[in-house]
Amino acid sequence: MTREAGTSAPTARSARHRPSLSHIAIALAALLAFGLNFLALQNRDATSLVAIAAAPIPEGAPFSSDLVRLVPLAADFEGIDHLIVEVDLGDLEGWIVGRSVAQDELIDRSIVIRPGAGDGLRTMSIPVPVEHAAGATLVVGDRVDVISMLGEEPAFVAVDLEVVSIAEAAQGALSGVGPYHVVVAVTSEDALALARAIDDGSIEIVRSTGAGALPAGGG
């Protein structure tokens, strides 16, 4: 075999360094696997499993994981910190659903209330506009007094009540206007007095944490 002038036969060394098609295919497969694993990890980190009602949940029902199903939701979804997520289910088992929940509705943790209030007390929800509830600054464990109009004069109708839950209605408290529900521990007498005040449509909730107690009906 003849060679043209100025050319030389390929050496064994140069042939040894030339990648074969099989090597290229293996490298591409490795890169593809790495990319797919990376995307899977990114997708897993970008979502959280949140609870939605599997069927309509009536007010007062004991909460159970059987009442919900879990769906993925973007981890940066606004308000996700207020929702029930997968890790909450065990801790909330047996708590009381403070308001009815429609099928497929996301479940806010604030509507699930601890069962009972201890010391033989009952719990009662007081619907009240934010501007009449200490500006929505109440927290669980606060003590509150409730004022209502009795005739033409305001009076304390229930005092030194413990706040056991805050249930926002349609995220009204988040916008600074509209009603939300303050759930308090009450005696039977407190419950009747509050029911009358709620029916009259005249409610003012005053934070009394750390303040001296007042007699109901006192000024």
N, C-alpha and C. Protein backbone atom coordinates (compact mmCIF):
# COMPACT_ATOMS: atom_id res chain seq x y z
N MET A 1 0.87 -1.20 0.00
CA MET A 1 0.00 0.00 0.00
C MET A 1 0.90 1.23 0.00
N THR A 2 0.54 2.20 -0.85
CA THR A 2 1.34 3.41 -0.97
C THR A 2 0.69 4.53 -0.21
N ARG A 3 1.50 5.52 0.24
CA ARG A 3 1.01 6.70 0.94
C ARG A 3 1.40 7.92 0.16
N GLU A 4 0.54 8.93 0.22
CA GLU A 4 0.89 10.18 -0.42
C GLU A 4 2.00 10.84 0.35
N ALA A 5 2.74 11.67 -0.33
CA ALA A 5 3.84 12.37 0.32
C ALA A 5 3.33 13.26 1.42
N GLY A 6 4.00 13.31 2.56
CA GLY A 6 3.64 14.19 3.66
C GLY A 6 2.64 13.59 4.61
N THR A 7 2.21 12.37 4.35
CA THR A 7 1.26 11.73 5.26
C THR A 7 1.94 10.57 5.94
N SER A 8 1.35 10.19 7.07
CA SER A 8 1.91 9.06 7.80
C SER A 8 0.78 8.17 8.28
N ALA A 9 1.05 6.97 8.52
CA ALA A 9 0.03 6.02 8.99
C ALA A 9 -0.35 6.36 10.42
N PRO A 10 -1.64 6.20 10.83
CA PRO A 10 -2.04 6.45 12.21
C PRO A 10 -1.31 5.53 13.15
N THR A 11 -0.85 6.09 14.24
CA THR A 11 -0.12 5.29 15.21
C THR A 11 -1.08 4.59 16.14
N ALA A 12 -0.60 3.60 16.85
CA ALA A 12 -1.44 2.87 17.83
C ALA A 12 -1.85 3.80 18.96
N ARG A 13 -0.96 4.76 19.29
CA ARG A 13 -1.26 5.66 20.40
C ARG A 13 -2.44 6.57 20.08
N SER A 14 -2.46 7.14 18.83
CA SER A 14 -3.58 8.04 18.47
C SER A 14 -4.87 7.27 18.38
N ALA A 15 -4.85 6.03 17.92
CA ALA A 15 -6.07 5.23 17.85
C ALA A 15 -6.58 4.92 19.24
N ARG A 16 -5.66 4.73 20.18
CA ARG A 16 -6.05 4.39 21.53
C ARG A 16 -6.76 5.55 22.22
N HIS A 17 -6.49 6.80 21.86
CA HIS A 17 -7.10 7.97 22.51
C HIS A 17 -8.36 8.46 21.81
N ARG A 18 -8.73 7.83 20.71
CA ARG A 18 -9.94 8.24 20.02
C ARG A 18 -11.15 7.54 20.66
N PRO A 19 -12.17 8.32 21.26
CA PRO A 19 -13.32 7.68 21.94
C PRO A 19 -14.17 6.90 20.96
N SER A 20 -14.60 5.75 21.41
CA SER A 20 -15.47 4.91 20.58
C SER A 20 -16.92 5.34 20.77
N LEU A 21 -17.80 4.87 19.88
CA LEU A 21 -19.23 5.17 19.99
C LEU A 21 -19.81 4.62 21.29
N SER A 22 -19.32 3.49 21.73
CA SER A 22 -19.85 2.91 22.98
C SER A 22 -19.50 3.76 24.18
N HIS A 23 -18.26 4.33 24.18
CA HIS A 23 -17.87 5.22 25.28
C HIS A 23 -18.74 6.48 25.30
N ILE A 24 -19.00 7.02 24.13
CA ILE A 24 -19.85 8.22 24.05
C ILE A 24 -21.26 7.92 24.55
N ALA A 25 -21.80 6.76 24.18
CA ALA A 25 -23.14 6.39 24.60
C ALA A 25 -23.23 6.24 26.11
N ILE A 26 -22.19 5.61 26.71
CA ILE A 26 -22.17 5.44 28.17
C ILE A 26 -22.11 6.79 28.87
N ALA A 27 -21.29 7.71 28.36
CA ALA A 27 -21.18 9.04 28.96
C ALA A 27 -22.50 9.80 28.89
N LEU A 28 -23.15 9.71 27.72
CA LEU A 28 -24.45 10.39 27.57
C LEU A 28 -25.48 9.81 28.51
N ALA A 29 -25.49 8.47 28.68
CA ALA A 29 -26.45 7.83 29.59
C ALA A 29 -26.21 8.29 31.03
N ALA A 30 -24.94 8.40 31.42
CA ALA A 30 -24.62 8.86 32.78
C ALA A 30 -25.09 10.29 33.00
N LEU A 31 -24.85 11.15 32.00
CA LEU A 31 -25.30 12.54 32.11
C LEU A 31 -26.82 12.63 32.19
N LEU A 32 -27.51 11.80 31.41
CA LEU A 32 -28.98 11.81 31.42
C LEU A 32 -29.51 11.36 32.78
N ALA A 33 -28.90 10.30 33.33
CA ALA A 33 -29.33 9.81 34.65
C ALA A 33 -29.13 10.87 35.72
N PHE A 34 -27.96 11.54 35.66
CA PHE A 34 -27.68 12.61 36.62
C PHE A 34 -28.72 13.73 36.51
N GLY A 35 -29.04 14.10 35.27
CA GLY A 35 -30.02 15.16 35.06
C GLY A 35 -31.39 14.79 35.58
N LEU A 36 -31.81 13.54 35.34
CA LEU A 36 -33.12 13.11 35.81
C LEU A 36 -33.17 13.07 37.34
N ASN A 37 -32.10 12.58 37.98
CA ASN A 37 -32.05 12.57 39.45
C ASN A 37 -32.11 13.98 40.01
N PHE A 38 -31.38 14.89 39.37
CA PHE A 38 -31.38 16.28 39.83
C PHE A 38 -32.77 16.88 39.73
N LEU A 39 -33.46 16.64 38.61
CA LEU A 39 -34.81 17.17 38.45
C LEU A 39 -35.77 16.56 39.46
N ALA A 40 -35.62 15.27 39.73
CA ALA A 40 -36.50 14.62 40.71
C ALA A 40 -36.33 15.23 42.08
N LEU A 41 -35.06 15.47 42.47
CA LEU A 41 -34.80 16.09 43.76
C LEU A 41 -35.34 17.51 43.81
N GLN A 42 -35.18 18.25 42.72
CA GLN A 42 -35.69 19.61 42.67
C GLN A 42 -37.21 19.61 42.80
N ASN A 43 -37.89 18.70 42.07
CA ASN A 43 -39.35 18.64 42.13
C ASN A 43 -39.83 18.26 43.51
N ARG A 44 -39.12 17.32 44.16
CA ARG A 44 -39.53 16.90 45.50
C ARG A 44 -39.37 18.04 46.49
N ASP A 45 -38.30 18.79 46.38
CA ASP A 45 -38.07 19.91 47.29
C ASP A 45 -39.02 21.07 47.02
N ALA A 46 -39.56 21.16 45.82
CA ALA A 46 -40.37 22.31 45.45
C ALA A 46 -41.84 22.15 45.81
N THR A 47 -42.23 20.98 46.34
CA THR A 47 -43.63 20.76 46.70
C THR A 47 -43.75 20.21 48.11
N SER A 48 -44.92 20.43 48.70
CA SER A 48 -45.26 19.84 50.00
C SER A 48 -46.62 19.18 49.86
N LEU A 49 -46.83 18.11 50.63
CA LEU A 49 -48.13 17.44 50.62
C LEU A 49 -49.03 18.12 51.64
N VAL A 50 -50.15 18.69 51.18
CA VAL A 50 -51.08 19.39 52.05
C VAL A 50 -52.42 18.66 52.06
N ALA A 51 -53.19 18.87 53.13
CA ALA A 51 -54.46 18.18 53.30
C ALA A 51 -55.61 18.97 52.68
N ILE A 52 -56.44 18.27 51.93
CA ILE A 52 -57.71 18.84 51.49
C ILE A 52 -58.82 17.88 51.92
N ALA A 53 -60.03 18.40 52.04
CA ALA A 53 -61.15 17.58 52.50
C ALA A 53 -61.51 16.55 51.44
N ALA A 54 -61.51 15.27 51.83
CA ALA A 54 -61.88 14.21 50.90
C ALA A 54 -63.38 14.22 50.61
N ALA A 55 -64.14 14.76 51.54
CA ALA A 55 -65.60 14.92 51.43
C ALA A 55 -65.96 16.09 52.34
N PRO A 56 -67.19 16.63 52.24
CA PRO A 56 -67.55 17.73 53.13
C PRO A 56 -67.38 17.34 54.60
N ILE A 57 -66.75 18.22 55.38
CA ILE A 57 -66.53 17.98 56.81
C ILE A 57 -67.43 18.93 57.60
N PRO A 58 -68.34 18.41 58.41
CA PRO A 58 -69.24 19.30 59.15
C PRO A 58 -68.54 19.95 60.34
N GLU A 59 -69.03 21.12 60.72
CA GLU A 59 -68.52 21.80 61.91
C GLU A 59 -68.72 20.90 63.12
N GLY A 60 -67.72 20.82 63.97
CA GLY A 60 -67.82 20.03 65.20
C GLY A 60 -67.34 18.60 65.05
N ALA A 61 -66.99 18.16 63.83
CA ALA A 61 -66.53 16.79 63.63
C ALA A 61 -65.12 16.61 64.21
N PRO A 62 -64.83 15.45 64.79
CA PRO A 62 -63.45 15.17 65.22
C PRO A 62 -62.56 15.04 63.99
N PHE A 63 -61.42 15.70 64.02
CA PHE A 63 -60.52 15.63 62.87
C PHE A 63 -59.84 14.27 62.81
N SER A 64 -59.71 13.75 61.61
CA SER A 64 -59.05 12.47 61.40
C SER A 64 -58.38 12.48 60.03
N SER A 65 -57.30 11.74 59.92
CA SER A 65 -56.62 11.65 58.62
C SER A 65 -57.52 10.98 57.58
N ASP A 66 -58.54 10.22 58.05
CA ASP A 66 -59.48 9.59 57.11
C ASP A 66 -60.36 10.63 56.41
N LEU A 67 -60.45 11.84 56.97
CA LEU A 67 -61.32 12.87 56.39
C LEU A 67 -60.64 13.64 55.26
N VAL A 68 -59.34 13.41 55.08
CA VAL A 68 -58.60 14.23 54.12
C VAL A 68 -57.86 13.35 53.12
N ARG A 69 -57.41 13.98 52.07
CA ARG A 69 -56.43 13.36 51.18
C ARG A 69 -55.32 14.37 50.96
N LEU A 70 -54.15 13.88 50.61
CA LEU A 70 -52.98 14.73 50.47
C LEU A 70 -52.71 15.02 49.00
N VAL A 71 -52.44 16.27 48.71
CA VAL A 71 -52.12 16.67 47.34
C VAL A 71 -50.85 17.52 47.37
N PRO A 72 -50.04 17.46 46.31
CA PRO A 72 -48.82 18.28 46.29
C PRO A 72 -49.16 19.74 46.02
N LEU A 73 -48.46 20.62 46.70
CA LEU A 73 -48.64 22.05 46.53
C LEU A 73 -47.26 22.69 46.50
N ALA A 74 -47.10 23.68 45.65
CA ALA A 74 -45.80 24.36 45.54
C ALA A 74 -45.36 24.86 46.91
N ALA A 75 -44.11 24.60 47.24
CA ALA A 75 -43.59 24.97 48.55
C ALA A 75 -43.58 26.47 48.77
N ASP A 76 -43.56 27.25 47.69
CA ASP A 76 -43.57 28.71 47.83
C ASP A 76 -44.97 29.29 47.71
N PHE A 77 -46.00 28.43 47.78
CA PHE A 77 -47.38 28.91 47.72
C PHE A 77 -47.65 29.85 48.90
N GLU A 78 -48.21 31.01 48.62
CA GLU A 78 -48.47 31.98 49.69
C GLU A 78 -49.50 31.42 50.66
N GLY A 79 -49.16 31.40 51.94
CA GLY A 79 -50.08 30.90 52.95
C GLY A 79 -49.91 29.43 53.29
N ILE A 80 -48.92 28.76 52.68
CA ILE A 80 -48.77 27.32 52.94
C ILE A 80 -48.42 27.06 54.40
N ASP A 81 -47.81 28.02 55.07
CA ASP A 81 -47.46 27.84 56.48
C ASP A 81 -48.69 27.72 57.37
N HIS A 82 -49.86 28.15 56.87
CA HIS A 82 -51.09 28.09 57.67
C HIS A 82 -51.90 26.83 57.39
N LEU A 83 -51.46 26.02 56.44
CA LEU A 83 -52.23 24.85 56.03
C LEU A 83 -51.77 23.60 56.78
N ILE A 84 -52.66 22.60 56.83
CA ILE A 84 -52.31 21.31 57.42
C ILE A 84 -51.50 20.53 56.39
N VAL A 85 -50.31 20.12 56.77
CA VAL A 85 -49.45 19.33 55.89
C VAL A 85 -49.33 17.91 56.45
N GLU A 86 -48.67 17.07 55.70
CA GLU A 86 -48.63 15.64 56.05
C GLU A 86 -48.14 15.40 57.47
N VAL A 87 -47.11 16.11 57.90
CA VAL A 87 -46.52 15.85 59.22
C VAL A 87 -47.44 16.29 60.36
N ASP A 88 -48.49 17.09 60.08
CA ASP A 88 -49.40 17.57 61.12
C ASP A 88 -50.48 16.54 61.47
N LEU A 89 -50.72 15.58 60.59
CA LEU A 89 -51.90 14.72 60.72
C LEU A 89 -51.95 13.98 62.06
N GLY A 90 -50.84 13.39 62.47
CA GLY A 90 -50.83 12.64 63.72
C GLY A 90 -51.10 13.51 64.93
N ASP A 91 -50.52 14.71 64.95
CA ASP A 91 -50.68 15.61 66.10
C ASP A 91 -52.10 16.14 66.23
N LEU A 92 -52.83 16.25 65.11
CA LEU A 92 -54.16 16.85 65.13
C LEU A 92 -55.29 15.81 65.22
N GLU A 93 -54.94 14.54 65.29
CA GLU A 93 -55.95 13.49 65.35
C GLU A 93 -56.85 13.69 66.57
N GLY A 94 -58.18 13.73 66.34
CA GLY A 94 -59.13 13.87 67.44
C GLY A 94 -59.47 15.30 67.81
N TRP A 95 -58.77 16.28 67.23
CA TRP A 95 -59.13 17.67 67.48
C TRP A 95 -60.47 17.97 66.82
N ILE A 96 -61.05 19.10 67.12
CA ILE A 96 -62.39 19.43 66.64
C ILE A 96 -62.31 20.44 65.49
N VAL A 97 -63.07 20.14 64.41
CA VAL A 97 -63.13 21.05 63.26
C VAL A 97 -64.07 22.20 63.61
N GLY A 98 -63.53 23.42 63.65
CA GLY A 98 -64.28 24.56 64.15
C GLY A 98 -65.30 25.14 63.20
N ARG A 99 -65.21 24.84 61.91
CA ARG A 99 -66.22 25.27 60.95
C ARG A 99 -66.29 24.25 59.83
N SER A 100 -67.40 24.25 59.11
CA SER A 100 -67.57 23.28 58.04
C SER A 100 -66.54 23.51 56.92
N VAL A 101 -66.15 22.45 56.28
CA VAL A 101 -65.15 22.50 55.21
C VAL A 101 -65.73 21.82 53.98
N ALA A 102 -65.67 22.49 52.85
CA ALA A 102 -66.20 21.93 51.61
C ALA A 102 -65.26 20.88 51.04
N GLN A 103 -65.81 19.97 50.26
CA GLN A 103 -64.99 18.95 49.62
C GLN A 103 -63.91 19.61 48.76
N ASP A 104 -62.71 19.07 48.84
CA ASP A 104 -61.54 19.54 48.08
C ASP A 104 -61.03 20.90 48.55
N GLU A 105 -61.52 21.40 49.67
CA GLU A 105 -61.03 22.68 50.21
C GLU A 105 -59.74 22.44 50.99
N LEU A 106 -58.76 23.33 50.80
CA LEU A 106 -57.56 23.30 51.62
C LEU A 106 -57.94 23.57 53.07
N ILE A 107 -57.30 22.89 54.00
CA ILE A 107 -57.69 23.00 55.41
C ILE A 107 -56.67 23.83 56.17
N ASP A 108 -57.13 24.96 56.70
CA ASP A 108 -56.28 25.83 57.49
C ASP A 108 -56.14 25.26 58.90
N ARG A 109 -54.93 25.26 59.43
CA ARG A 109 -54.71 24.70 60.77
C ARG A 109 -55.49 25.45 61.85
N SER A 110 -55.79 26.73 61.61
CA SER A 110 -56.45 27.52 62.64
C SER A 110 -57.88 27.09 62.90
N ILE A 111 -58.50 26.34 61.98
CA ILE A 111 -59.89 25.93 62.21
C ILE A 111 -60.00 24.62 62.99
N VAL A 112 -58.87 23.98 63.26
CA VAL A 112 -58.87 22.73 64.01
C VAL A 112 -58.53 23.05 65.46
N ILE A 113 -59.47 22.77 66.36
CA ILE A 113 -59.41 23.25 67.74
C ILE A 113 -59.13 22.09 68.69
N ARG A 114 -58.34 22.34 69.71
CA ARG A 114 -58.10 21.32 70.73
C ARG A 114 -59.41 20.86 71.35
N PRO A 115 -59.61 19.58 71.53
CA PRO A 115 -60.88 19.11 72.12
C PRO A 115 -60.99 19.51 73.58
N GLY A 116 -62.13 20.09 73.93
CA GLY A 116 -62.35 20.49 75.30
C GLY A 116 -61.49 21.67 75.70
N ALA A 117 -61.75 22.20 76.88
CA ALA A 117 -60.98 23.34 77.34
C ALA A 117 -60.36 23.09 78.70
N GLY A 118 -60.52 21.88 79.22
CA GLY A 118 -59.98 21.59 80.54
C GLY A 118 -60.86 22.18 81.63
N ASP A 119 -60.69 21.70 82.86
CA ASP A 119 -61.43 22.21 84.03
C ASP A 119 -62.94 22.13 83.84
N GLY A 120 -63.42 21.23 83.00
CA GLY A 120 -64.85 21.09 82.82
C GLY A 120 -65.50 22.21 82.04
N LEU A 121 -64.71 23.07 81.39
CA LEU A 121 -65.28 24.18 80.65
C LEU A 121 -65.66 23.75 79.23
N ARG A 122 -66.51 24.58 78.62
CA ARG A 122 -66.89 24.37 77.23
C ARG A 122 -66.07 25.31 76.35
N THR A 123 -66.13 25.10 75.04
CA THR A 123 -65.52 26.06 74.12
C THR A 123 -66.62 26.67 73.26
N MET A 124 -66.42 27.93 72.90
CA MET A 124 -67.42 28.66 72.12
C MET A 124 -66.72 29.61 71.17
N SER A 125 -67.24 29.68 69.96
CA SER A 125 -66.66 30.56 68.93
C SER A 125 -67.41 31.89 68.92
N ILE A 126 -66.65 32.97 68.97
CA ILE A 126 -67.25 34.32 68.93
C ILE A 126 -66.89 34.95 67.58
N PRO A 127 -67.86 35.09 66.68
CA PRO A 127 -67.57 35.76 65.40
C PRO A 127 -67.53 37.27 65.64
N VAL A 128 -66.46 37.90 65.20
CA VAL A 128 -66.31 39.31 65.50
C VAL A 128 -65.44 39.96 64.42
N PRO A 129 -65.77 41.19 64.00
CA PRO A 129 -64.89 41.89 63.05
C PRO A 129 -63.52 42.14 63.67
N VAL A 130 -62.51 42.13 62.85
CA VAL A 130 -61.14 42.30 63.31
C VAL A 130 -60.99 43.58 64.14
N GLU A 131 -61.62 44.66 63.68
CA GLU A 131 -61.45 45.94 64.37
C GLU A 131 -62.08 45.96 65.76
N HIS A 132 -62.88 44.91 66.09
CA HIS A 132 -63.47 44.81 67.42
C HIS A 132 -62.89 43.64 68.20
N ALA A 133 -61.70 43.17 67.78
CA ALA A 133 -61.07 42.03 68.46
C ALA A 133 -59.58 42.31 68.64
N ALA A 134 -59.27 43.43 69.24
CA ALA A 134 -57.88 43.82 69.51
C ALA A 134 -57.04 43.82 68.24
N GLY A 135 -57.69 44.19 67.12
CA GLY A 135 -56.96 44.32 65.87
C GLY A 135 -56.33 43.04 65.36
N ALA A 136 -56.95 41.89 65.69
CA ALA A 136 -56.46 40.58 65.25
C ALA A 136 -55.07 40.26 65.80
N THR A 137 -54.74 40.83 66.97
CA THR A 137 -53.44 40.55 67.58
C THR A 137 -53.54 39.49 68.68
N LEU A 138 -54.73 38.95 68.91
CA LEU A 138 -54.90 37.93 69.94
C LEU A 138 -54.17 36.65 69.55
N VAL A 139 -53.68 35.94 70.56
CA VAL A 139 -53.02 34.66 70.33
C VAL A 139 -53.59 33.64 71.31
N VAL A 140 -53.40 32.37 70.98
CA VAL A 140 -53.85 31.31 71.87
C VAL A 140 -53.19 31.46 73.23
N GLY A 141 -53.99 31.36 74.29
CA GLY A 141 -53.49 31.53 75.65
C GLY A 141 -53.78 32.90 76.23
N ASP A 142 -54.12 33.88 75.38
CA ASP A 142 -54.52 35.19 75.89
C ASP A 142 -55.78 35.07 76.74
N ARG A 143 -55.94 36.03 77.65
CA ARG A 143 -57.20 36.17 78.40
C ARG A 143 -57.93 37.37 77.82
N VAL A 144 -59.24 37.26 77.70
CA VAL A 144 -60.03 38.34 77.12
C VAL A 144 -61.29 38.60 77.93
N ASP A 145 -61.76 39.83 77.83
CA ASP A 145 -63.08 40.22 78.34
C ASP A 145 -63.95 40.56 77.14
N VAL A 146 -65.25 40.37 77.28
CA VAL A 146 -66.18 40.67 76.20
C VAL A 146 -67.18 41.72 76.66
N ILE A 147 -67.28 42.80 75.87
CA ILE A 147 -68.19 43.91 76.17
C ILE A 147 -69.33 43.89 75.15
N SER A 148 -70.53 44.18 75.64
CA SER A 148 -71.68 44.30 74.74
C SER A 148 -72.57 45.44 75.25
N MET A 149 -73.43 45.91 74.38
CA MET A 149 -74.38 46.96 74.78
C MET A 149 -75.57 46.31 75.49
N LEU A 150 -75.77 46.70 76.71
CA LEU A 150 -76.94 46.26 77.47
C LEU A 150 -77.84 47.47 77.63
N GLY A 151 -78.90 47.51 76.82
CA GLY A 151 -79.71 48.72 76.78
C GLY A 151 -78.94 49.79 76.05
N GLU A 152 -78.71 50.92 76.70
CA GLU A 152 -77.97 52.01 76.07
C GLU A 152 -76.56 52.12 76.62
N GLU A 153 -76.18 51.23 77.52
CA GLU A 153 -74.86 51.32 78.14
C GLU A 153 -74.04 50.07 77.85
N PRO A 154 -72.74 50.22 77.58
CA PRO A 154 -71.88 49.04 77.41
C PRO A 154 -71.60 48.39 78.76
N ALA A 155 -71.43 47.09 78.75
CA ALA A 155 -71.14 46.37 79.98
C ALA A 155 -70.33 45.12 79.65
N PHE A 156 -69.55 44.66 80.63
CA PHE A 156 -68.83 43.41 80.48
C PHE A 156 -69.82 42.26 80.66
N VAL A 157 -69.94 41.42 79.63
CA VAL A 157 -70.88 40.29 79.73
C VAL A 157 -70.15 38.98 80.03
N ALA A 158 -68.85 38.92 79.79
CA ALA A 158 -68.04 37.75 80.14
C ALA A 158 -66.61 38.23 80.33
N VAL A 159 -65.94 37.72 81.36
CA VAL A 159 -64.61 38.23 81.67
C VAL A 159 -63.62 37.10 81.90
N ASP A 160 -62.35 37.42 81.69
CA ASP A 160 -61.24 36.52 81.97
C ASP A 160 -61.41 35.17 81.27
N LEU A 161 -61.75 35.22 79.98
CA LEU A 161 -61.90 33.99 79.19
C LEU A 161 -60.57 33.64 78.53
N GLU A 162 -60.26 32.36 78.49
CA GLU A 162 -59.03 31.92 77.82
C GLU A 162 -59.27 31.71 76.33
N VAL A 163 -58.39 32.26 75.49
CA VAL A 163 -58.46 32.03 74.05
C VAL A 163 -57.81 30.68 73.76
N VAL A 164 -58.60 29.75 73.16
CA VAL A 164 -58.06 28.43 72.87
C VAL A 164 -57.77 28.25 71.38
N SER A 165 -58.32 29.13 70.54
CA SER A 165 -58.04 29.04 69.11
C SER A 165 -58.49 30.32 68.43
N ILE A 166 -57.87 30.61 67.31
CA ILE A 166 -58.28 31.71 66.44
C ILE A 166 -58.58 31.11 65.08
N ALA A 167 -59.81 31.25 64.61
CA ALA A 167 -60.18 30.69 63.31
C ALA A 167 -60.50 31.82 62.36
N GLU A 168 -59.61 32.04 61.40
CA GLU A 168 -59.83 33.10 60.43
C GLU A 168 -60.92 32.70 59.46
N ALA A 169 -61.79 33.63 59.11
CA ALA A 169 -62.87 33.37 58.15
C ALA A 169 -62.50 34.00 56.82
N ALA A 170 -62.31 33.14 55.81
CA ALA A 170 -61.98 33.60 54.46
C ALA A 170 -60.76 34.52 54.47
N GLN A 171 -59.82 34.24 55.39
CA GLN A 171 -58.59 35.02 55.52
C GLN A 171 -58.87 36.50 55.77
N GLY A 172 -60.02 36.78 56.42
CA GLY A 172 -60.36 38.17 56.71
C GLY A 172 -59.33 38.85 57.58
N ALA A 173 -58.82 38.07 58.57
CA ALA A 173 -57.86 38.67 59.48
C ALA A 173 -56.56 39.01 58.78
N LEU A 174 -56.23 38.27 57.72
CA LEU A 174 -54.98 38.54 57.02
C LEU A 174 -55.04 39.87 56.27
N SER A 175 -56.23 40.25 55.84
CA SER A 175 -56.35 41.50 55.09
C SER A 175 -56.62 42.69 56.00
N GLY A 176 -56.85 42.40 57.30
CA GLY A 176 -57.06 43.49 58.25
C GLY A 176 -58.50 43.93 58.37
N VAL A 177 -59.42 43.33 57.61
CA VAL A 177 -60.83 43.69 57.72
C VAL A 177 -61.64 42.41 57.70
N GLY A 178 -62.93 42.55 58.08
CA GLY A 178 -63.82 41.41 58.00
C GLY A 178 -63.82 40.59 59.28
N PRO A 179 -64.72 39.60 59.37
CA PRO A 179 -64.87 38.83 60.60
C PRO A 179 -63.86 37.70 60.71
N TYR A 180 -63.56 37.34 61.95
CA TYR A 180 -62.90 36.07 62.20
C TYR A 180 -63.49 35.54 63.50
N HIS A 181 -63.04 34.36 63.93
CA HIS A 181 -63.67 33.70 65.07
C HIS A 181 -62.65 33.50 66.18
N VAL A 182 -62.97 34.01 67.35
CA VAL A 182 -62.15 33.80 68.52
C VAL A 182 -62.82 32.71 69.35
N VAL A 183 -62.13 31.59 69.53
CA VAL A 183 -62.69 30.46 70.27
C VAL A 183 -62.19 30.55 71.71
N VAL A 184 -63.13 30.57 72.65
CA VAL A 184 -62.79 30.77 74.05
C VAL A 184 -63.38 29.65 74.92
N ALA A 185 -62.76 29.46 76.08
CA ALA A 185 -63.29 28.52 77.07
C ALA A 185 -64.30 29.26 77.95
N VAL A 186 -65.48 28.67 78.11
CA VAL A 186 -66.56 29.37 78.81
C VAL A 186 -67.28 28.44 79.78
N THR A 187 -67.90 29.04 80.79
CA THR A 187 -68.87 28.33 81.62
C THR A 187 -70.22 28.37 80.91
N SER A 188 -71.19 27.64 81.43
CA SER A 188 -72.51 27.66 80.82
C SER A 188 -73.13 29.05 80.90
N GLU A 189 -72.86 29.77 82.00
CA GLU A 189 -73.41 31.12 82.14
C GLU A 189 -72.75 32.07 81.13
N ASP A 190 -71.44 31.95 80.97
CA ASP A 190 -70.75 32.76 79.97
C ASP A 190 -71.31 32.51 78.58
N ALA A 191 -71.55 31.24 78.26
CA ALA A 191 -72.05 30.87 76.93
C ALA A 191 -73.40 31.53 76.65
N LEU A 192 -74.28 31.54 77.64
CA LEU A 192 -75.60 32.15 77.45
C LEU A 192 -75.47 33.67 77.27
N ALA A 193 -74.62 34.29 78.08
CA ALA A 193 -74.44 35.74 77.97
C ALA A 193 -73.83 36.11 76.62
N LEU A 194 -72.88 35.33 76.17
CA LEU A 194 -72.25 35.60 74.88
C LEU A 194 -73.23 35.36 73.73
N ALA A 195 -74.05 34.33 73.85
CA ALA A 195 -75.03 34.06 72.80
C ALA A 195 -75.99 35.24 72.63
N ARG A 196 -76.41 35.83 73.75
CA ARG A 196 -77.29 37.01 73.67
C ARG A 196 -76.57 38.18 73.02
N ALA A 197 -75.30 38.39 73.40
CA ALA A 197 -74.54 39.51 72.83
C ALA A 197 -74.31 39.31 71.33
N ILE A 198 -74.02 38.09 70.93
CA ILE A 198 -73.82 37.80 69.51
C ILE A 198 -75.11 38.03 68.75
N ASP A 199 -76.24 37.62 69.32
CA ASP A 199 -77.52 37.81 68.66
C ASP A 199 -77.86 39.30 68.53
N ASP A 200 -77.44 40.09 69.53
CA ASP A 200 -77.67 41.54 69.46
C ASP A 200 -76.75 42.23 68.46
N GLY A 201 -75.69 41.54 68.07
CA GLY A 201 -74.76 42.12 67.10
C GLY A 201 -73.84 43.15 67.70
N SER A 202 -73.65 43.10 69.01
CA SER A 202 -72.81 44.09 69.67
C SER A 202 -71.74 43.36 70.48
N ILE A 203 -70.53 43.28 69.91
CA ILE A 203 -69.45 42.55 70.57
C ILE A 203 -68.16 43.36 70.48
N GLU A 204 -67.47 43.47 71.58
CA GLU A 204 -66.12 44.04 71.61
C GLU A 204 -65.27 43.13 72.48
N ILE A 205 -64.19 42.60 71.91
CA ILE A 205 -63.29 41.72 72.67
C ILE A 205 -62.07 42.52 73.09
N VAL A 206 -61.77 42.48 74.38
CA VAL A 206 -60.67 43.25 74.95
C VAL A 206 -59.64 42.28 75.52
N ARG A 207 -58.38 42.42 75.11
CA ARG A 207 -57.34 41.58 75.73
C ARG A 207 -57.15 42.01 77.17
N SER A 208 -57.24 41.04 78.07
CA SER A 208 -57.07 41.35 79.51
C SER A 208 -55.94 40.54 80.12
N THR A 209 -55.07 39.97 79.28
CA THR A 209 -53.95 39.19 79.78
C THR A 209 -53.13 40.01 80.76
N GLY A 210 -53.03 39.51 81.99
CA GLY A 210 -52.24 40.21 83.01
C GLY A 210 -53.00 41.29 83.76
N ALA A 211 -54.21 41.60 83.31
CA ALA A 211 -55.01 42.63 84.00
C ALA A 211 -55.81 42.01 85.15
N GLY A 212 -56.25 42.85 86.06
CA GLY A 212 -57.07 42.37 87.15
C GLY A 212 -58.44 41.93 86.66
N ALA A 213 -58.98 40.90 87.30
CA ALA A 213 -60.28 40.34 86.89
C ALA A 213 -61.41 41.30 87.25
N LEU A 214 -62.43 41.32 86.39
CA LEU A 214 -63.64 42.10 86.63
C LEU A 214 -64.83 41.15 86.74
N PRO A 215 -65.81 41.49 87.55
CA PRO A 215 -67.01 40.66 87.60
C PRO A 215 -67.83 40.82 86.34
N ALA A 216 -68.42 39.75 85.82
CA ALA A 216 -69.29 39.85 84.65
C ALA A 216 -70.41 40.83 84.95
N GLY A 217 -70.65 41.71 83.99
CA GLY A 217 -71.68 42.71 84.17
C GLY A 217 -71.14 43.95 84.87
N GLY A 218 -69.85 43.92 85.29
CA GLY A 218 -69.25 45.06 85.95
C GLY A 218 -68.72 46.07 84.96
N GLY A 219 -68.28 47.24 85.43
CA GLY A 219 -67.77 48.25 84.52
C GLY A 219 -66.38 48.67 84.89
